[in-house]
Amino acid sequence: MIIALRCLFAVILATMLIGTIWATLQEDVFEGGSHILRYRWGVMTLADAYFGFVTFFVWVAYKETSTPARVVWFIAVMLLGNIAMSAYVLLQLFRVPPDARLDGVLLRRSPA
């Protein structure tokens, strides 16, 4: 299960990086964003995405025990979205052995 999840999140990260580079080469992000904000569905899609980012960050805040790490990940998630989210999940997946149970990834590690 861990290996399959590593592959999944690696594909997500690669796709998001490639797509972001491609889109950036085609159009300025602020110019593209201004088009989105003209439409109600564009605004609601952004709201949906950012509520998802906050939801994901609640898990990150639970997992991370230091305030500086929480702040860095909050900024990364809010600025980079799924790029930061998939990178965070990959980091968590590589901190456990391939035969680990999923709770080893999802739950906070107890202090040794």
PDB file of N, CA and C in Angstrom:
ATOM      1  N   MET A   1       0.822  -1.197   0.000  1.00  0.00           N
ATOM      2  CA  MET A   1       0.000   0.000   0.000  1.00  0.00           C
ATOM      3  C   MET A   1       0.869   1.265   0.000  1.00  0.00           C
ATOM      4  N   ILE A   2       1.930   1.277   0.795  1.00  0.00           N
ATOM      5  CA  ILE A   2       2.799   2.445   0.886  1.00  0.00           C
ATOM      6  C   ILE A   2       3.477   2.718  -0.462  1.00  0.00           C
ATOM      7  N   ILE A   3       3.936   1.678  -1.129  1.00  0.00           N
ATOM      8  CA  ILE A   3       4.600   1.859  -2.425  1.00  0.00           C
ATOM      9  C   ILE A   3       3.618   2.414  -3.452  1.00  0.00           C
ATOM     10  N   ALA A   4       2.399   1.909  -3.461  1.00  0.00           N
ATOM     11  CA  ALA A   4       1.380   2.418  -4.392  1.00  0.00           C
ATOM     12  C   ALA A   4       1.083   3.891  -4.111  1.00  0.00           C
ATOM     13  N   LEU A   5       1.003   4.258  -2.850  1.00  0.00           N
ATOM     14  CA  LEU A   5       0.754   5.653  -2.493  1.00  0.00           C
ATOM     15  C   LEU A   5       1.938   6.542  -2.857  1.00  0.00           C
ATOM     16  N   ARG A   6       3.146   6.033  -2.686  1.00  0.00           N
ATOM     17  CA  ARG A   6       4.322   6.799  -3.111  1.00  0.00           C
ATOM     18  C   ARG A   6       4.246   7.090  -4.614  1.00  0.00           C
ATOM     19  N   CYS A   7       3.887   6.078  -5.380  1.00  0.00           N
ATOM     20  CA  CYS A   7       3.762   6.252  -6.842  1.00  0.00           C
ATOM     21  C   CYS A   7       2.667   7.259  -7.167  1.00  0.00           C
ATOM     22  N   LEU A   8       1.521   7.128  -6.528  1.00  0.00           N
ATOM     23  CA  LEU A   8       0.398   8.033  -6.774  1.00  0.00           C
ATOM     24  C   LEU A   8       0.792   9.477  -6.505  1.00  0.00           C
ATOM     25  N   PHE A   9       1.371   9.747  -5.342  1.00  0.00           N
ATOM     26  CA  PHE A   9       1.695  11.118  -4.989  1.00  0.00           C
ATOM     27  C   PHE A   9       2.889  11.650  -5.774  1.00  0.00           C
ATOM     28  N   ALA A  10       3.771  10.783  -6.224  1.00  0.00           N
ATOM     29  CA  ALA A  10       4.856  11.206  -7.118  1.00  0.00           C
ATOM     30  C   ALA A  10       4.280  11.650  -8.465  1.00  0.00           C
ATOM     31  N   VAL A  11       3.291  10.914  -8.972  1.00  0.00           N
ATOM     32  CA  VAL A  11       2.629  11.282 -10.229  1.00  0.00           C
ATOM     33  C   VAL A  11       1.890  12.608 -10.059  1.00  0.00           C
ATOM     34  N   ILE A  12       1.195  12.768  -8.940  1.00  0.00           N
ATOM     35  CA  ILE A  12       0.488  14.030  -8.685  1.00  0.00           C
ATOM     36  C   ILE A  12       1.480  15.190  -8.654  1.00  0.00           C
ATOM     37  N   LEU A  13       2.575  15.029  -7.918  1.00  0.00           N
ATOM     38  CA  LEU A  13       3.573  16.089  -7.821  1.00  0.00           C
ATOM     39  C   LEU A  13       4.166  16.411  -9.194  1.00  0.00           C
ATOM     40  N   ALA A  14       4.556  15.393  -9.934  1.00  0.00           N
ATOM     41  CA  ALA A  14       5.143  15.609 -11.260  1.00  0.00           C
ATOM     42  C   ALA A  14       4.150  16.291 -12.202  1.00  0.00           C
ATOM     43  N   THR A  15       2.913  15.844 -12.187  1.00  0.00           N
ATOM     44  CA  THR A  15       1.884  16.430 -13.052  1.00  0.00           C
ATOM     45  C   THR A  15       1.646  17.893 -12.699  1.00  0.00           C
ATOM     46  N   MET A  16       1.576  18.189 -11.414  1.00  0.00           N
ATOM     47  CA  MET A  16       1.353  19.565 -10.993  1.00  0.00           C
ATOM     48  C   MET A  16       2.536  20.458 -11.352  1.00  0.00           C
ATOM     49  N   LEU A  17       3.756  19.948 -11.189  1.00  0.00           N
ATOM     50  CA  LEU A  17       4.935  20.739 -11.545  1.00  0.00           C
ATOM     51  C   LEU A  17       4.988  20.997 -13.051  1.00  0.00           C
ATOM     52  N   ILE A  18       4.783  19.956 -13.831  1.00  0.00           N
ATOM     53  CA  ILE A  18       4.806  20.099 -15.293  1.00  0.00           C
ATOM     54  C   ILE A  18       3.683  21.028 -15.752  1.00  0.00           C
ATOM     55  N   GLY A  19       2.493  20.833 -15.221  1.00  0.00           N
ATOM     56  CA  GLY A  19       1.357  21.676 -15.600  1.00  0.00           C
ATOM     57  C   GLY A  19       1.560  23.127 -15.210  1.00  0.00           C
ATOM     58  N   THR A  20       2.146  23.355 -14.045  1.00  0.00           N
ATOM     59  CA  THR A  20       2.389  24.723 -13.588  1.00  0.00           C
ATOM     60  C   THR A  20       3.437  25.410 -14.463  1.00  0.00           C
ATOM     61  N   ILE A  21       4.488  24.693 -14.793  1.00  0.00           N
ATOM     62  CA  ILE A  21       5.519  25.261 -15.677  1.00  0.00           C
ATOM     63  C   ILE A  21       4.930  25.568 -17.046  1.00  0.00           C
ATOM     64  N   TRP A  22       4.170  24.624 -17.594  1.00  0.00           N
ATOM     65  CA  TRP A  22       3.537  24.820 -18.905  1.00  0.00           C
ATOM     66  C   TRP A  22       2.614  26.039 -18.887  1.00  0.00           C
ATOM     67  N   ALA A  23       1.765  26.135 -17.860  1.00  0.00           N
ATOM     68  CA  ALA A  23       0.821  27.254 -17.783  1.00  0.00           C
ATOM     69  C   ALA A  23       1.556  28.580 -17.602  1.00  0.00           C
ATOM     70  N   THR A  24       2.609  28.577 -16.795  1.00  0.00           N
ATOM     71  CA  THR A  24       3.381  29.793 -16.560  1.00  0.00           C
ATOM     72  C   THR A  24       4.059  30.280 -17.830  1.00  0.00           C
ATOM     73  N   LEU A  25       4.509  29.350 -18.656  1.00  0.00           N
ATOM     74  CA  LEU A  25       5.141  29.737 -19.919  1.00  0.00           C
ATOM     75  C   LEU A  25       4.129  30.291 -20.925  1.00  0.00           C
ATOM     76  N   GLN A  26       2.858  29.949 -20.744  1.00  0.00           N
ATOM     77  CA  GLN A  26       1.814  30.393 -21.666  1.00  0.00           C
ATOM     78  C   GLN A  26       1.186  31.726 -21.258  1.00  0.00           C
ATOM     79  N   GLU A  27       1.058  31.928 -19.928  1.00  0.00           N
ATOM     80  CA  GLU A  27       0.323  33.105 -19.452  1.00  0.00           C
ATOM     81  C   GLU A  27       0.765  33.438 -18.040  1.00  0.00           C
ATOM     82  N   ASP A  28       0.856  34.734 -17.747  1.00  0.00           N
ATOM     83  CA  ASP A  28       1.189  35.194 -16.407  1.00  0.00           C
ATOM     84  C   ASP A  28       0.094  34.761 -15.423  1.00  0.00           C
ATOM     85  N   VAL A  29       0.496  34.288 -14.255  1.00  0.00           N
ATOM     86  CA  VAL A  29      -0.462  33.765 -13.275  1.00  0.00           C
ATOM     87  C   VAL A  29      -1.464  34.838 -12.844  1.00  0.00           C
ATOM     88  N   PHE A  30      -1.031  36.068 -12.703  1.00  0.00           N
ATOM     89  CA  PHE A  30      -1.945  37.130 -12.271  1.00  0.00           C
ATOM     90  C   PHE A  30      -2.931  37.499 -13.374  1.00  0.00           C
ATOM     91  N   GLU A  31      -2.476  37.442 -14.614  1.00  0.00           N
ATOM     92  CA  GLU A  31      -3.367  37.690 -15.738  1.00  0.00           C
ATOM     93  C   GLU A  31      -4.421  36.584 -15.826  1.00  0.00           C
ATOM     94  N   GLY A  32      -3.987  35.349 -15.701  1.00  0.00           N
ATOM     95  CA  GLY A  32      -4.920  34.221 -15.724  1.00  0.00           C
ATOM     96  C   GLY A  32      -5.895  34.280 -14.561  1.00  0.00           C
ATOM     97  N   GLY A  33      -5.379  34.651 -13.394  1.00  0.00           N
ATOM     98  CA  GLY A  33      -6.231  34.747 -12.205  1.00  0.00           C
ATOM     99  C   GLY A  33      -7.310  35.801 -12.338  1.00  0.00           C
ATOM    100  N   SER A  34      -7.002  36.896 -13.015  1.00  0.00           N
ATOM    101  CA  SER A  34      -8.009  37.947 -13.185  1.00  0.00           C
ATOM    102  C   SER A  34      -9.187  37.456 -14.031  1.00  0.00           C
ATOM    103  N   HIS A  35      -8.923  36.549 -14.979  1.00  0.00           N
ATOM    104  CA  HIS A  35     -10.013  35.969 -15.777  1.00  0.00           C
ATOM    105  C   HIS A  35     -10.918  35.107 -14.895  1.00  0.00           C
ATOM    106  N   ILE A  36     -10.310  34.324 -14.042  1.00  0.00           N
ATOM    107  CA  ILE A  36     -11.064  33.416 -13.173  1.00  0.00           C
ATOM    108  C   ILE A  36     -11.993  34.192 -12.253  1.00  0.00           C
ATOM    109  N   LEU A  37     -11.501  35.300 -11.705  1.00  0.00           N
ATOM    110  CA  LEU A  37     -12.276  36.063 -10.722  1.00  0.00           C
ATOM    111  C   LEU A  37     -13.461  36.804 -11.317  1.00  0.00           C
ATOM    112  N   ARG A  38     -13.568  36.829 -12.624  1.00  0.00           N
ATOM    113  CA  ARG A  38     -14.716  37.478 -13.281  1.00  0.00           C
ATOM    114  C   ARG A  38     -15.972  36.601 -13.263  1.00  0.00           C
ATOM    115  N   TYR A  39     -15.807  35.342 -12.964  1.00  0.00           N
ATOM    116  CA  TYR A  39     -16.919  34.393 -13.032  1.00  0.00           C
ATOM    117  C   TYR A  39     -17.203  33.802 -11.660  1.00  0.00           C
ATOM    118  N   ARG A  40     -18.498  33.681 -11.348  1.00  0.00           N
ATOM    119  CA  ARG A  40     -18.888  33.113 -10.046  1.00  0.00           C
ATOM    120  C   ARG A  40     -18.305  31.726  -9.848  1.00  0.00           C
ATOM    121  N   TRP A  41     -18.331  30.906 -10.902  1.00  0.00           N
ATOM    122  CA  TRP A  41     -17.795  29.550 -10.762  1.00  0.00           C
ATOM    123  C   TRP A  41     -16.283  29.573 -10.581  1.00  0.00           C
ATOM    124  N   GLY A  42     -15.630  30.555 -11.142  1.00  0.00           N
ATOM    125  CA  GLY A  42     -14.199  30.705 -10.925  1.00  0.00           C
ATOM    126  C   GLY A  42     -13.898  31.039  -9.472  1.00  0.00           C
ATOM    127  N   VAL A  43     -14.670  31.963  -8.918  1.00  0.00           N
ATOM    128  CA  VAL A  43     -14.507  32.339  -7.509  1.00  0.00           C
ATOM    129  C   VAL A  43     -14.798  31.143  -6.615  1.00  0.00           C
ATOM    130  N   MET A  44     -15.872  30.416  -6.906  1.00  0.00           N
ATOM    131  CA  MET A  44     -16.239  29.271  -6.063  1.00  0.00           C
ATOM    132  C   MET A  44     -15.234  28.125  -6.206  1.00  0.00           C
ATOM    133  N   THR A  45     -14.639  27.962  -7.376  1.00  0.00           N
ATOM    134  CA  THR A  45     -13.609  26.941  -7.551  1.00  0.00           C
ATOM    135  C   THR A  45     -12.390  27.280  -6.715  1.00  0.00           C
ATOM    136  N   LEU A  46     -12.004  28.556  -6.687  1.00  0.00           N
ATOM    137  CA  LEU A  46     -10.894  28.971  -5.829  1.00  0.00           C
ATOM    138  C   LEU A  46     -11.238  28.786  -4.353  1.00  0.00           C
ATOM    139  N   ALA A  47     -12.454  29.146  -3.966  1.00  0.00           N
ATOM    140  CA  ALA A  47     -12.879  28.956  -2.577  1.00  0.00           C
ATOM    141  C   ALA A  47     -12.830  27.477  -2.210  1.00  0.00           C
ATOM    142  N   ASP A  48     -13.314  26.630  -3.098  1.00  0.00           N
ATOM    143  CA  ASP A  48     -13.286  25.188  -2.868  1.00  0.00           C
ATOM    144  C   ASP A  48     -11.850  24.696  -2.687  1.00  0.00           C
ATOM    145  N   ALA A  49     -10.957  25.161  -3.553  1.00  0.00           N
ATOM    146  CA  ALA A  49      -9.553  24.749  -3.465  1.00  0.00           C
ATOM    147  C   ALA A  49      -8.943  25.199  -2.144  1.00  0.00           C
ATOM    148  N   TYR A  50      -9.158  26.448  -1.776  1.00  0.00           N
ATOM    149  CA  TYR A  50      -8.530  26.941  -0.546  1.00  0.00           C
ATOM    150  C   TYR A  50      -9.143  26.344   0.714  1.00  0.00           C
ATOM    151  N   PHE A  51     -10.429  26.032   0.704  1.00  0.00           N
ATOM    152  CA  PHE A  51     -10.998  25.309   1.848  1.00  0.00           C
ATOM    153  C   PHE A  51     -10.393  23.909   1.936  1.00  0.00           C
ATOM    154  N   GLY A  52     -10.130  23.296   0.772  1.00  0.00           N
ATOM    155  CA  GLY A  52      -9.427  22.005   0.765  1.00  0.00           C
ATOM    156  C   GLY A  52      -8.016  22.131   1.299  1.00  0.00           C
ATOM    157  N   PHE A  53      -7.320  23.213   0.955  1.00  0.00           N
ATOM    158  CA  PHE A  53      -5.968  23.441   1.461  1.00  0.00           C
ATOM    159  C   PHE A  53      -5.986  23.583   2.985  1.00  0.00           C
ATOM    160  N   VAL A  54      -6.960  24.322   3.501  1.00  0.00           N
ATOM    161  CA  VAL A  54      -7.070  24.500   4.958  1.00  0.00           C
ATOM    162  C   VAL A  54      -7.375  23.160   5.624  1.00  0.00           C
ATOM    163  N   THR A  55      -8.262  22.388   5.025  1.00  0.00           N
ATOM    164  CA  THR A  55      -8.596  21.071   5.569  1.00  0.00           C
ATOM    165  C   THR A  55      -7.353  20.193   5.635  1.00  0.00           C
ATOM    166  N   PHE A  56      -6.576  20.164   4.568  1.00  0.00           N
ATOM    167  CA  PHE A  56      -5.336  19.395   4.553  1.00  0.00           C
ATOM    168  C   PHE A  56      -4.374  19.923   5.612  1.00  0.00           C
ATOM    169  N   PHE A  57      -4.284  21.250   5.738  1.00  0.00           N
ATOM    170  CA  PHE A  57      -3.354  21.825   6.701  1.00  0.00           C
ATOM    171  C   PHE A  57      -3.703  21.440   8.137  1.00  0.00           C
ATOM    172  N   VAL A  58      -4.964  21.223   8.435  1.00  0.00           N
ATOM    173  CA  VAL A  58      -5.337  20.788   9.789  1.00  0.00           C
ATOM    174  C   VAL A  58      -4.613  19.481  10.122  1.00  0.00           C
ATOM    175  N   TRP A  59      -4.531  18.579   9.148  1.00  0.00           N
ATOM    176  CA  TRP A  59      -3.785  17.322   9.350  1.00  0.00           C
ATOM    177  C   TRP A  59      -2.297  17.613   9.521  1.00  0.00           C
ATOM    178  N   VAL A  60      -1.755  18.511   8.695  1.00  0.00           N
ATOM    179  CA  VAL A  60      -0.334  18.875   8.804  1.00  0.00           C
ATOM    180  C   VAL A  60      -0.052  19.451  10.190  1.00  0.00           C
ATOM    181  N   ALA A  61      -0.911  20.334  10.665  1.00  0.00           N
ATOM    182  CA  ALA A  61      -0.726  20.945  11.985  1.00  0.00           C
ATOM    183  C   ALA A  61      -0.766  19.887  13.080  1.00  0.00           C
ATOM    184  N   TYR A  62      -1.590  18.862  12.900  1.00  0.00           N
ATOM    185  CA  TYR A  62      -1.624  17.743  13.848  1.00  0.00           C
ATOM    186  C   TYR A  62      -0.321  16.949  13.793  1.00  0.00           C
ATOM    187  N   LYS A  63       0.157  16.662  12.588  1.00  0.00           N
ATOM    188  CA  LYS A  63       1.365  15.844  12.421  1.00  0.00           C
ATOM    189  C   LYS A  63       2.626  16.568  12.898  1.00  0.00           C
ATOM    190  N   GLU A  64       2.747  17.831  12.563  1.00  0.00           N
ATOM    191  CA  GLU A  64       3.950  18.597  12.903  1.00  0.00           C
ATOM    192  C   GLU A  64       3.864  19.094  14.345  1.00  0.00           C
ATOM    193  N   THR A  65       4.929  18.916  15.075  1.00  0.00           N
ATOM    194  CA  THR A  65       4.902  19.299  16.484  1.00  0.00           C
ATOM    195  C   THR A  65       5.564  20.654  16.741  1.00  0.00           C
ATOM    196  N   SER A  66       6.297  21.187  15.767  1.00  0.00           N
ATOM    197  CA  SER A  66       6.951  22.480  15.989  1.00  0.00           C
ATOM    198  C   SER A  66       6.196  23.596  15.265  1.00  0.00           C
ATOM    199  N   THR A  67       6.105  24.727  15.918  1.00  0.00           N
ATOM    200  CA  THR A  67       5.417  25.876  15.325  1.00  0.00           C
ATOM    201  C   THR A  67       6.104  26.347  14.044  1.00  0.00           C
ATOM    202  N   PRO A  68       7.448  26.442  13.997  1.00  0.00           N
ATOM    203  CA  PRO A  68       8.070  26.865  12.739  1.00  0.00           C
ATOM    204  C   PRO A  68       7.723  25.943  11.564  1.00  0.00           C
ATOM    205  N   ALA A  69       7.710  24.639  11.781  1.00  0.00           N
ATOM    206  CA  ALA A  69       7.346  23.705  10.708  1.00  0.00           C
ATOM    207  C   ALA A  69       5.902  23.931  10.273  1.00  0.00           C
ATOM    208  N   ARG A  70       5.031  24.151  11.217  1.00  0.00           N
ATOM    209  CA  ARG A  70       3.631  24.411  10.882  1.00  0.00           C
ATOM    210  C   ARG A  70       3.491  25.667  10.032  1.00  0.00           C
ATOM    211  N   VAL A  71       4.213  26.719  10.412  1.00  0.00           N
ATOM    212  CA  VAL A  71       4.147  27.987   9.669  1.00  0.00           C
ATOM    213  C   VAL A  71       4.672  27.801   8.245  1.00  0.00           C
ATOM    214  N   VAL A  72       5.808  27.137   8.114  1.00  0.00           N
ATOM    215  CA  VAL A  72       6.395  26.911   6.786  1.00  0.00           C
ATOM    216  C   VAL A  72       5.443  26.108   5.912  1.00  0.00           C
ATOM    217  N   TRP A  73       4.868  25.042   6.455  1.00  0.00           N
ATOM    218  CA  TRP A  73       3.949  24.221   5.662  1.00  0.00           C
ATOM    219  C   TRP A  73       2.653  24.962   5.343  1.00  0.00           C
ATOM    220  N   PHE A  74       2.182  25.803   6.260  1.00  0.00           N
ATOM    221  CA  PHE A  74       0.974  26.589   5.977  1.00  0.00           C
ATOM    222  C   PHE A  74       1.226  27.509   4.784  1.00  0.00           C
ATOM    223  N   ILE A  75       2.347  28.229   4.817  1.00  0.00           N
ATOM    224  CA  ILE A  75       2.688  29.133   3.713  1.00  0.00           C
ATOM    225  C   ILE A  75       2.846  28.346   2.407  1.00  0.00           C
ATOM    226  N   ALA A  76       3.539  27.226   2.468  1.00  0.00           N
ATOM    227  CA  ALA A  76       3.749  26.406   1.264  1.00  0.00           C
ATOM    228  C   ALA A  76       2.428  25.923   0.684  1.00  0.00           C
ATOM    229  N   VAL A  77       1.543  25.430   1.533  1.00  0.00           N
ATOM    230  CA  VAL A  77       0.249  24.915   1.053  1.00  0.00           C
ATOM    231  C   VAL A  77      -0.593  26.044   0.464  1.00  0.00           C
ATOM    232  N   MET A  78      -0.606  27.204   1.118  1.00  0.00           N
ATOM    233  CA  MET A  78      -1.422  28.312   0.623  1.00  0.00           C
ATOM    234  C   MET A  78      -0.868  28.892  -0.680  1.00  0.00           C
ATOM    235  N   LEU A  79       0.455  28.865  -0.854  1.00  0.00           N
ATOM    236  CA  LEU A  79       1.045  29.417  -2.084  1.00  0.00           C
ATOM    237  C   LEU A  79       1.156  28.406  -3.216  1.00  0.00           C
ATOM    238  N   LEU A  80       1.431  27.155  -2.869  1.00  0.00           N
ATOM    239  CA  LEU A  80       1.702  26.141  -3.898  1.00  0.00           C
ATOM    240  C   LEU A  80       0.611  25.087  -4.031  1.00  0.00           C
ATOM    241  N   GLY A  81      -0.336  25.078  -3.118  1.00  0.00           N
ATOM    242  CA  GLY A  81      -1.465  24.159  -3.206  1.00  0.00           C
ATOM    243  C   GLY A  81      -1.061  22.696  -3.270  1.00  0.00           C
ATOM    244  N   ASN A  82      -1.547  22.016  -4.298  1.00  0.00           N
ATOM    245  CA  ASN A  82      -1.320  20.572  -4.423  1.00  0.00           C
ATOM    246  C   ASN A  82       0.138  20.193  -4.645  1.00  0.00           C
ATOM    247  N   ILE A  83       0.958  21.121  -5.090  1.00  0.00           N
ATOM    248  CA  ILE A  83       2.392  20.839  -5.197  1.00  0.00           C
ATOM    249  C   ILE A  83       2.946  20.607  -3.792  1.00  0.00           C
ATOM    250  N   ALA A  84       2.668  21.535  -2.879  1.00  0.00           N
ATOM    251  CA  ALA A  84       3.141  21.389  -1.499  1.00  0.00           C
ATOM    252  C   ALA A  84       2.468  20.210  -0.807  1.00  0.00           C
ATOM    253  N   MET A  85       1.197  20.014  -1.068  1.00  0.00           N
ATOM    254  CA  MET A  85       0.464  18.929  -0.412  1.00  0.00           C
ATOM    255  C   MET A  85       1.006  17.569  -0.819  1.00  0.00           C
ATOM    256  N   SER A  86       1.241  17.378  -2.100  1.00  0.00           N
ATOM    257  CA  SER A  86       1.773  16.089  -2.539  1.00  0.00           C
ATOM    258  C   SER A  86       3.198  15.894  -2.052  1.00  0.00           C
ATOM    259  N   ALA A  87       3.988  16.963  -1.988  1.00  0.00           N
ATOM    260  CA  ALA A  87       5.351  16.862  -1.453  1.00  0.00           C
ATOM    261  C   ALA A  87       5.314  16.468   0.022  1.00  0.00           C
ATOM    262  N   TYR A  88       4.393  17.043   0.779  1.00  0.00           N
ATOM    263  CA  TYR A  88       4.278  16.706   2.204  1.00  0.00           C
ATOM    264  C   TYR A  88       3.903  15.231   2.385  1.00  0.00           C
ATOM    265  N   VAL A  89       2.921  14.783   1.621  1.00  0.00           N
ATOM    266  CA  VAL A  89       2.498  13.381   1.726  1.00  0.00           C
ATOM    267  C   VAL A  89       3.658  12.454   1.336  1.00  0.00           C
ATOM    268  N   LEU A  90       4.379  12.791   0.284  1.00  0.00           N
ATOM    269  CA  LEU A  90       5.534  11.973  -0.114  1.00  0.00           C
ATOM    270  C   LEU A  90       6.573  11.907   1.002  1.00  0.00           C
ATOM    271  N   LEU A  91       6.854  13.038   1.635  1.00  0.00           N
ATOM    272  CA  LEU A  91       7.797  13.028   2.761  1.00  0.00           C
ATOM    273  C   LEU A  91       7.322  12.074   3.861  1.00  0.00           C
ATOM    274  N   GLN A  92       6.036  12.130   4.158  1.00  0.00           N
ATOM    275  CA  GLN A  92       5.490  11.241   5.184  1.00  0.00           C
ATOM    276  C   GLN A  92       5.588   9.776   4.757  1.00  0.00           C
ATOM    277  N   LEU A  93       5.323   9.514   3.482  1.00  0.00           N
ATOM    278  CA  LEU A  93       5.364   8.136   2.975  1.00  0.00           C
ATOM    279  C   LEU A  93       6.784   7.567   2.953  1.00  0.00           C
ATOM    280  N   PHE A  94       7.779   8.423   2.757  1.00  0.00           N
ATOM    281  CA  PHE A  94       9.161   7.945   2.751  1.00  0.00           C
ATOM    282  C   PHE A  94       9.767   7.873   4.146  1.00  0.00           C
ATOM    283  N   ARG A  95       9.049   8.324   5.147  1.00  0.00           N
ATOM    284  CA  ARG A  95       9.524   8.208   6.536  1.00  0.00           C
ATOM    285  C   ARG A  95       9.166   6.861   7.156  1.00  0.00           C
ATOM    286  N   VAL A  96       8.369   6.091   6.444  1.00  0.00           N
ATOM    287  CA  VAL A  96       7.979   4.767   6.957  1.00  0.00           C
ATOM    288  C   VAL A  96       8.487   3.704   5.992  1.00  0.00           C
ATOM    289  N   PRO A  97       8.701   2.484   6.483  1.00  0.00           N
ATOM    290  CA  PRO A  97       9.128   1.411   5.585  1.00  0.00           C
ATOM    291  C   PRO A  97       8.004   1.024   4.618  1.00  0.00           C
ATOM    292  N   PRO A  98       8.353   0.417   3.480  1.00  0.00           N
ATOM    293  CA  PRO A  98       7.340   0.052   2.477  1.00  0.00           C
ATOM    294  C   PRO A  98       6.237  -0.868   2.996  1.00  0.00           C
ATOM    295  N   ASP A  99       6.526  -1.632   4.038  1.00  0.00           N
ATOM    296  CA  ASP A  99       5.508  -2.551   4.566  1.00  0.00           C
ATOM    297  C   ASP A  99       4.760  -1.972   5.770  1.00  0.00           C
ATOM    298  N   ALA A 100       4.914  -0.686   6.024  1.00  0.00           N
ATOM    299  CA  ALA A 100       4.252  -0.055   7.166  1.00  0.00           C
ATOM    300  C   ALA A 100       2.743  -0.004   6.959  1.00  0.00           C
ATOM    301  N   ARG A 101       2.057   0.122   8.064  1.00  0.00           N
ATOM    302  CA  ARG A 101       0.607   0.324   8.004  1.00  0.00           C
ATOM    303  C   ARG A 101       0.321   1.799   7.746  1.00  0.00           C
ATOM    304  N   LEU A 102      -0.842   2.078   7.214  1.00  0.00           N
ATOM    305  CA  LEU A 102      -1.197   3.448   6.869  1.00  0.00           C
ATOM    306  C   LEU A 102      -1.282   4.358   8.096  1.00  0.00           C
ATOM    307  N   ASP A 103      -1.617   3.805   9.244  1.00  0.00           N
ATOM    308  CA  ASP A 103      -1.673   4.655  10.434  1.00  0.00           C
ATOM    309  C   ASP A 103      -0.297   5.213  10.797  1.00  0.00           C
ATOM    310  N   GLY A 104       0.762   4.550  10.355  1.00  0.00           N
ATOM    311  CA  GLY A 104       2.109   5.068  10.570  1.00  0.00           C
ATOM    312  C   GLY A 104       2.366   6.339   9.780  1.00  0.00           C
ATOM    313  N   VAL A 105       1.608   6.538   8.715  1.00  0.00           N
ATOM    314  CA  VAL A 105       1.728   7.741   7.898  1.00  0.00           C
ATOM    315  C   VAL A 105       0.773   8.822   8.413  1.00  0.00           C
ATOM    316  N   LEU A 106      -0.436   8.415   8.722  1.00  0.00           N
ATOM    317  CA  LEU A 106      -1.471   9.377   9.060  1.00  0.00           C
ATOM    318  C   LEU A 106      -1.385   9.946  10.465  1.00  0.00           C
ATOM    319  N   LEU A 107      -0.932   9.129  11.409  1.00  0.00           N
ATOM    320  CA  LEU A 107      -0.940   9.556  12.804  1.00  0.00           C
ATOM    321  C   LEU A 107       0.393  10.157  13.214  1.00  0.00           C
ATOM    322  N   ARG A 108       0.339  11.004  14.221  1.00  0.00           N
ATOM    323  CA  ARG A 108       1.548  11.611  14.755  1.00  0.00           C
ATOM    324  C   ARG A 108       2.372  10.540  15.448  1.00  0.00           C
ATOM    325  N   ARG A 109       3.678  10.588  15.216  1.00  0.00           N
ATOM    326  CA  ARG A 109       4.569   9.639  15.889  1.00  0.00           C
ATOM    327  C   ARG A 109       4.700  10.020  17.353  1.00  0.00           C
ATOM    328  N   SER A 110       4.665   9.030  18.205  1.00  0.00           N
ATOM    329  CA  SER A 110       4.849   9.314  19.618  1.00  0.00           C
ATOM    330  C   SER A 110       6.350   9.524  19.889  1.00  0.00           C
ATOM    331  N   PRO A 111       6.674  10.408  20.829  1.00  0.00           N
ATOM    332  CA  PRO A 111       8.083  10.662  21.112  1.00  0.00           C
ATOM    333  C   PRO A 111       8.791   9.407  21.603  1.00  0.00           C
ATOM    334  N   ALA A 112      10.036   9.229  21.178  1.00  0.00           N
ATOM    335  CA  ALA A 112      10.798   8.023  21.547  1.00  0.00           C
ATOM    336  C   ALA A 112      11.376   8.138  22.933  1.00  0.00           C
TER     337      ALA A 112
END
